Amino acid sequence: QVQLAESGGGLVQAGGSLRLSCEASGRTFSRTAMGWFRQAPGKEREFVAAINWSSGSTVYADSVRARFTISRDNTKNTVYLQMNSLKPEDTALYFCASRHSPYSGSLTSAGLYPYWGQGTQVTVSS
């Protein structure tokens, strides 16, 4: 099993910044990627960003590209999401997720991540 713990959410004004963190523990040796997803009230969960754990290559949703940056710290087993120029439409519950072998395929697909955190709320006021 893998446990994921998110932190860093909060209330921020439009144009502001937040940094989310997600620390993984447990059986992390088989991890291949980590991602961030979000879900706003009344909407489906959507992909935000993901990072390949070994290569560091990243992928972003069009809605956040150039504003959000995903990064990792191998020594701390932690993935980060730096969110700049926040907009009210970024308001959502943000989840981190961990992919492990033998799962493979698109990093944007939530169904290919077997482990999830509880989420951290991000609220952007206008």
Foldseek 3Di string as FASTA:
>chain_A
DKAKDKDWADEEAAQAKIKMKIAMDDPCPQWQKKFKWWDAPPGDIFGAKMAGVPPRDMDGDPVQPPFWDWGDDVVRNMIMIIGGRDDQVVWTWMKMFTAGPPQDDDPGDPVRTPDIYPTDTHGYHD
